[in-house]
Amino acid sequence: MKQLNLDNEDERLVAMLRALGNPARYRIFQELRQGEAEPSRPLGSILPLAQSTVSEHLRRLKDAGLVTGESESANARYVVDEDALAWFRRAVETL
């Protein structure tokens, strides 16, 4: 397979689009935007997904730079990275 030469900005945008292109990750991201992911009410209780599946999707959203948070503790808390979201919006507007 041939490699496309993308600059860092394009690679960042593609990673974010890919992360949000998954329906489960998109829904998790929506819940985080609404502030629903509190330690007392984990996403696994909001969505019909196993907690391990939610954790994997959160890791992918974090890897794409869309959310921040720590997964090491039992009371993990993730939030949308508002600066990254603002950058994403600007990048999409240029498509």
N, C-alpha and C. Protein backbone atom coordinates (compact mmCIF):
# COMPACT_ATOMS: atom_id res chain seq x y z
N MET A 1 0.83 -1.17 0.00
CA MET A 1 0.00 0.00 0.00
C MET A 1 0.88 1.24 0.00
N LYS A 2 0.54 2.18 -0.85
CA LYS A 2 1.31 3.42 -0.93
C LYS A 2 0.98 4.33 0.23
N GLN A 3 1.97 5.08 0.65
CA GLN A 3 1.82 6.01 1.76
C GLN A 3 1.47 7.40 1.23
N LEU A 4 0.51 8.02 1.89
CA LEU A 4 0.21 9.42 1.59
C LEU A 4 1.05 10.28 2.50
N ASN A 5 1.57 11.33 1.95
CA ASN A 5 2.37 12.25 2.76
C ASN A 5 1.45 13.37 3.26
N LEU A 6 1.06 13.26 4.52
CA LEU A 6 0.22 14.27 5.14
C LEU A 6 1.05 15.08 6.12
N ASP A 7 0.76 16.37 6.20
CA ASP A 7 1.45 17.15 7.21
C ASP A 7 0.83 16.87 8.58
N ASN A 8 1.45 17.39 9.62
CA ASN A 8 0.99 17.11 10.99
C ASN A 8 -0.45 17.55 11.23
N GLU A 9 -0.84 18.68 10.66
CA GLU A 9 -2.21 19.17 10.83
C GLU A 9 -3.21 18.21 10.20
N ASP A 10 -2.89 17.73 8.99
CA ASP A 10 -3.79 16.79 8.32
C ASP A 10 -3.85 15.46 9.06
N GLU A 11 -2.72 15.00 9.57
CA GLU A 11 -2.71 13.75 10.34
C GLU A 11 -3.55 13.89 11.60
N ARG A 12 -3.46 15.03 12.26
CA ARG A 12 -4.26 15.27 13.46
C ARG A 12 -5.75 15.25 13.13
N LEU A 13 -6.14 15.92 12.05
CA LEU A 13 -7.54 15.95 11.65
C LEU A 13 -8.04 14.55 11.30
N VAL A 14 -7.26 13.80 10.55
CA VAL A 14 -7.67 12.45 10.16
C VAL A 14 -7.84 11.57 11.41
N ALA A 15 -6.95 11.69 12.38
CA ALA A 15 -7.06 10.90 13.61
C ALA A 15 -8.35 11.25 14.35
N MET A 16 -8.68 12.52 14.40
CA MET A 16 -9.91 12.93 15.09
C MET A 16 -11.15 12.46 14.34
N LEU A 17 -11.13 12.59 13.01
CA LEU A 17 -12.26 12.12 12.21
C LEU A 17 -12.44 10.61 12.36
N ARG A 18 -11.34 9.89 12.35
CA ARG A 18 -11.40 8.44 12.50
C ARG A 18 -11.97 8.06 13.87
N ALA A 19 -11.54 8.76 14.90
CA ALA A 19 -12.03 8.46 16.25
C ALA A 19 -13.53 8.72 16.35
N LEU A 20 -13.98 9.83 15.79
CA LEU A 20 -15.40 10.18 15.88
C LEU A 20 -16.25 9.44 14.85
N GLY A 21 -15.60 8.78 13.90
CA GLY A 21 -16.32 8.02 12.88
C GLY A 21 -16.93 6.73 13.40
N ASN A 22 -16.50 6.30 14.56
CA ASN A 22 -17.07 5.10 15.18
C ASN A 22 -18.32 5.51 15.95
N PRO A 23 -19.47 4.88 15.70
CA PRO A 23 -20.71 5.29 16.37
C PRO A 23 -20.64 5.27 17.89
N ALA A 24 -19.99 4.28 18.47
CA ALA A 24 -19.90 4.21 19.93
C ALA A 24 -19.04 5.35 20.46
N ARG A 25 -17.91 5.61 19.81
CA ARG A 25 -17.05 6.71 20.26
C ARG A 25 -17.73 8.05 20.07
N TYR A 26 -18.47 8.21 18.99
CA TYR A 26 -19.20 9.45 18.77
C TYR A 26 -20.21 9.68 19.90
N ARG A 27 -20.92 8.62 20.27
CA ARG A 27 -21.91 8.73 21.35
C ARG A 27 -21.24 9.02 22.69
N ILE A 28 -20.12 8.37 22.96
CA ILE A 28 -19.38 8.64 24.20
C ILE A 28 -18.93 10.10 24.21
N PHE A 29 -18.44 10.58 23.07
CA PHE A 29 -18.00 11.98 22.98
C PHE A 29 -19.17 12.92 23.25
N GLN A 30 -20.34 12.60 22.70
CA GLN A 30 -21.54 13.42 22.95
C GLN A 30 -21.86 13.45 24.45
N GLU A 31 -21.79 12.31 25.10
CA GLU A 31 -22.07 12.26 26.54
C GLU A 31 -21.06 13.10 27.32
N LEU A 32 -19.81 13.03 26.93
CA LEU A 32 -18.79 13.84 27.60
C LEU A 32 -19.04 15.33 27.38
N ARG A 33 -19.48 15.69 26.18
CA ARG A 33 -19.79 17.10 25.90
C ARG A 33 -20.93 17.60 26.78
N GLN A 34 -21.84 16.71 27.14
CA GLN A 34 -22.97 17.09 27.99
C GLN A 34 -22.63 16.99 29.47
N GLY A 35 -21.40 16.57 29.77
CA GLY A 35 -20.98 16.47 31.16
C GLY A 35 -21.56 15.28 31.89
N GLU A 36 -21.88 14.21 31.15
CA GLU A 36 -22.53 13.06 31.75
C GLU A 36 -21.57 12.06 32.39
N ALA A 37 -20.30 12.16 32.12
CA ALA A 37 -19.37 11.14 32.60
C ALA A 37 -18.78 11.52 33.95
N GLU A 38 -19.55 11.40 34.96
CA GLU A 38 -19.10 11.66 36.32
C GLU A 38 -18.68 10.33 36.95
N PRO A 39 -17.72 10.35 37.86
CA PRO A 39 -17.30 9.09 38.50
C PRO A 39 -18.46 8.36 39.17
N SER A 40 -19.44 9.10 39.67
CA SER A 40 -20.56 8.45 40.33
C SER A 40 -21.56 7.85 39.34
N ARG A 41 -21.44 8.23 38.08
CA ARG A 41 -22.33 7.71 37.04
C ARG A 41 -21.48 7.39 35.80
N PRO A 42 -20.84 6.23 35.80
CA PRO A 42 -19.93 5.90 34.71
C PRO A 42 -20.67 5.74 33.38
N LEU A 43 -19.94 5.96 32.30
CA LEU A 43 -20.53 5.83 30.96
C LEU A 43 -21.12 4.45 30.72
N GLY A 44 -20.55 3.43 31.34
CA GLY A 44 -21.07 2.07 31.18
C GLY A 44 -22.50 1.94 31.68
N SER A 45 -22.90 2.81 32.61
CA SER A 45 -24.28 2.76 33.09
C SER A 45 -25.21 3.60 32.22
N ILE A 46 -24.66 4.46 31.39
CA ILE A 46 -25.45 5.32 30.51
C ILE A 46 -25.65 4.64 29.15
N LEU A 47 -24.62 3.99 28.68
CA LEU A 47 -24.63 3.38 27.35
C LEU A 47 -24.71 1.86 27.45
N PRO A 48 -25.26 1.21 26.45
CA PRO A 48 -25.37 -0.25 26.48
C PRO A 48 -24.05 -0.93 26.06
N LEU A 49 -22.98 -0.58 26.75
CA LEU A 49 -21.66 -1.12 26.45
C LEU A 49 -20.99 -1.61 27.73
N ALA A 50 -20.19 -2.64 27.61
CA ALA A 50 -19.42 -3.12 28.75
C ALA A 50 -18.40 -2.05 29.15
N GLN A 51 -18.08 -1.98 30.42
CA GLN A 51 -17.13 -0.98 30.89
C GLN A 51 -15.77 -1.12 30.20
N SER A 52 -15.37 -2.34 29.92
CA SER A 52 -14.09 -2.54 29.23
C SER A 52 -14.14 -1.96 27.81
N THR A 53 -15.30 -2.05 27.16
CA THR A 53 -15.47 -1.49 25.83
C THR A 53 -15.44 0.03 25.89
N VAL A 54 -16.11 0.59 26.88
CA VAL A 54 -16.11 2.04 27.07
C VAL A 54 -14.67 2.51 27.32
N SER A 55 -13.93 1.80 28.13
CA SER A 55 -12.55 2.17 28.43
C SER A 55 -11.70 2.19 27.16
N GLU A 56 -11.88 1.20 26.30
CA GLU A 56 -11.12 1.15 25.05
C GLU A 56 -11.49 2.33 24.15
N HIS A 57 -12.77 2.64 24.05
CA HIS A 57 -13.19 3.78 23.24
C HIS A 57 -12.66 5.09 23.81
N LEU A 58 -12.66 5.24 25.11
CA LEU A 58 -12.11 6.44 25.74
C LEU A 58 -10.62 6.57 25.44
N ARG A 59 -9.92 5.44 25.47
CA ARG A 59 -8.48 5.46 25.14
C ARG A 59 -8.27 5.96 23.72
N ARG A 60 -9.11 5.50 22.80
CA ARG A 60 -8.97 5.93 21.41
C ARG A 60 -9.28 7.42 21.24
N LEU A 61 -10.29 7.90 21.94
CA LEU A 61 -10.60 9.33 21.90
C LEU A 61 -9.46 10.15 22.51
N LYS A 62 -8.86 9.62 23.55
CA LYS A 62 -7.73 10.30 24.18
C LYS A 62 -6.52 10.29 23.24
N ASP A 63 -6.25 9.16 22.61
CA ASP A 63 -5.14 9.07 21.66
C ASP A 63 -5.30 10.05 20.50
N ALA A 64 -6.55 10.30 20.10
CA ALA A 64 -6.83 11.24 19.02
C ALA A 64 -6.75 12.68 19.49
N GLY A 65 -6.62 12.88 20.80
CA GLY A 65 -6.49 14.22 21.34
C GLY A 65 -7.81 14.92 21.61
N LEU A 66 -8.91 14.19 21.57
CA LEU A 66 -10.23 14.81 21.76
C LEU A 66 -10.65 14.90 23.22
N VAL A 67 -10.13 14.01 24.06
CA VAL A 67 -10.46 14.04 25.48
C VAL A 67 -9.19 13.95 26.30
N THR A 68 -9.30 14.39 27.52
CA THR A 68 -8.20 14.25 28.47
C THR A 68 -8.74 13.52 29.69
N GLY A 69 -7.85 12.88 30.39
CA GLY A 69 -8.25 12.17 31.60
C GLY A 69 -7.28 11.07 31.92
N GLU A 70 -7.48 10.47 33.06
CA GLU A 70 -6.62 9.40 33.54
C GLU A 70 -7.44 8.14 33.71
N SER A 71 -6.87 7.02 33.33
CA SER A 71 -7.60 5.76 33.45
C SER A 71 -7.03 4.86 34.54
N GLU A 72 -5.99 5.32 35.25
CA GLU A 72 -5.36 4.47 36.24
C GLU A 72 -6.19 4.30 37.51
N SER A 73 -6.95 5.30 37.86
CA SER A 73 -7.68 5.22 39.13
C SER A 73 -9.06 4.62 38.93
N ALA A 74 -9.65 4.15 40.02
CA ALA A 74 -11.00 3.60 39.97
C ALA A 74 -12.02 4.68 39.65
N ASN A 75 -11.70 5.92 40.00
CA ASN A 75 -12.60 7.04 39.74
C ASN A 75 -12.11 7.86 38.56
N ALA A 76 -11.84 7.19 37.44
CA ALA A 76 -11.35 7.88 36.25
C ALA A 76 -12.37 8.90 35.79
N ARG A 77 -11.87 10.03 35.35
CA ARG A 77 -12.74 11.09 34.86
C ARG A 77 -12.16 11.61 33.55
N TYR A 78 -12.98 11.63 32.54
CA TYR A 78 -12.57 12.14 31.24
C TYR A 78 -13.39 13.36 30.90
N VAL A 79 -12.75 14.31 30.24
CA VAL A 79 -13.43 15.52 29.79
C VAL A 79 -12.99 15.82 28.36
N VAL A 80 -13.86 16.52 27.64
CA VAL A 80 -13.52 16.95 26.29
C VAL A 80 -12.44 18.02 26.38
N ASP A 81 -11.45 17.90 25.55
CA ASP A 81 -10.40 18.92 25.46
C ASP A 81 -10.97 20.05 24.60
N GLU A 82 -11.39 21.12 25.24
CA GLU A 82 -12.08 22.21 24.53
C GLU A 82 -11.17 22.90 23.52
N ASP A 83 -9.87 23.00 23.81
CA ASP A 83 -8.94 23.58 22.84
C ASP A 83 -8.84 22.71 21.60
N ALA A 84 -8.78 21.40 21.79
CA ALA A 84 -8.72 20.48 20.66
C ALA A 84 -10.02 20.53 19.86
N LEU A 85 -11.14 20.63 20.55
CA LEU A 85 -12.43 20.71 19.86
C LEU A 85 -12.52 21.99 19.03
N ALA A 86 -12.03 23.09 19.56
CA ALA A 86 -12.02 24.35 18.81
C ALA A 86 -11.14 24.22 17.57
N TRP A 87 -9.97 23.59 17.73
CA TRP A 87 -9.09 23.37 16.58
C TRP A 87 -9.79 22.49 15.54
N PHE A 88 -10.46 21.42 16.00
CA PHE A 88 -11.17 20.51 15.11
C PHE A 88 -12.23 21.26 14.30
N ARG A 89 -12.98 22.10 14.97
CA ARG A 89 -14.03 22.87 14.28
C ARG A 89 -13.43 23.77 13.19
N ARG A 90 -12.33 24.44 13.51
CA ARG A 90 -11.68 25.30 12.51
C ARG A 90 -11.17 24.47 11.34
N ALA A 91 -10.59 23.30 11.64
CA ALA A 91 -10.05 22.46 10.57
C ALA A 91 -11.16 21.93 9.67
N VAL A 92 -12.28 21.55 10.24
CA VAL A 92 -13.40 21.04 9.43
C VAL A 92 -13.98 22.14 8.56
N GLU A 93 -13.99 23.36 9.05
CA GLU A 93 -14.52 24.48 8.26
C GLU A 93 -13.73 24.70 6.98
N THR A 94 -12.47 24.28 6.96
CA THR A 94 -11.64 24.50 5.78
C THR A 94 -11.76 23.38 4.75
N LEU A 95 -12.53 22.35 5.05
CA LEU A 95 -12.69 21.24 4.10
C LEU A 95 -13.48 21.66 2.87
